[in-house]
């Protein structure tokens, strides 16, 4: 007869093996820290599915997701410009899923094959510190050409496009303004390089630097500058370049190799809903919603009053890897 202790061990091990897997997802989140934290908490509260997140800029997220291809650490990718999602789709990193809620999303703001969906939109802007600009004898910046002014030496805050979707949007905007001429786009960035003391990892950091007077002007999405204004920095003023500006379409996707694909799809359903897209202003996130049932907040950029370039997300995504590599080689080395 087997000893009682041994029998108990066998029973306990068997019971542990038979126990259901914990219902939990991990989100790679590309928007602001407060927005990411709120979204996963509200999702968990609404569905009962446990969720956590890791805040990553879009370039960092793409590299992490690609590096963990065989043993994926994330279930969902949420936030950050969709051109990175286009690049991820081309590498087989996304699991197509067409949610029932996709019918509520504005036409053209989602992947035609269902690999990703747009979840918000943000317009690229200049975040001006009017006091610091006045010290340099300048008024708020209103054109890309003014950003090259020698009086702005060391005064422009912007991130590196290898890690930041915001910065890649700025780079691709130059390509669009020059008829998709990437050489001309890199030429503009070489001129701007003289005014950039260092490149940030995260795009939204430029708003913080402008707010604190560490920079005279930051190149950021307008909702990041508005959020900084509301933190108590009255010297900030948002302006848009008169030549035309680009915009991000924040993405959302289920990742190939997700550990919990069913709950990942539940997250996508929830995030596309009107109830979810109304939450941003609670944490001072004023991007444009993609759900047609949710009106834009009064503090969101109004595309009707801003000159936008014909920003082609698909083309930007296909060009991203090569263009970012050229930026590192021809303009500035990637951040350490």
Foldseek 3Di string as FASTA:
>chain_A
DDDPVVVVVVVVVVVVVPDDDQQEFEEAEADDPVLQVVLQVVLCVVPVGHYYYDYFALLRVLVLLVVCVPAGPGFKYWWYFCLSVLLCVVVVWFDADDAPLNVQFDPPQFDPRRRKGFFFKFWKWKKFQQVLQVVLVHGDDAALVVLLDPSLQQAEAFAALSGHRLRLQQLVFQCLLVVNPSVRSLVSLQSNLRNHPDHHNYGLVRLVCNLVVVHRMYTHTQLSVQLSVVVPRVSIDIYYHPSATEMGRIMMGGTPNTPNNVVSSVSVNVSSDPVNSVCQVVSSRQTGGRRNVHHGDPSGDDPVPGHHRPDDSNVSSVCSPVSSVCCCVPHHNHDD
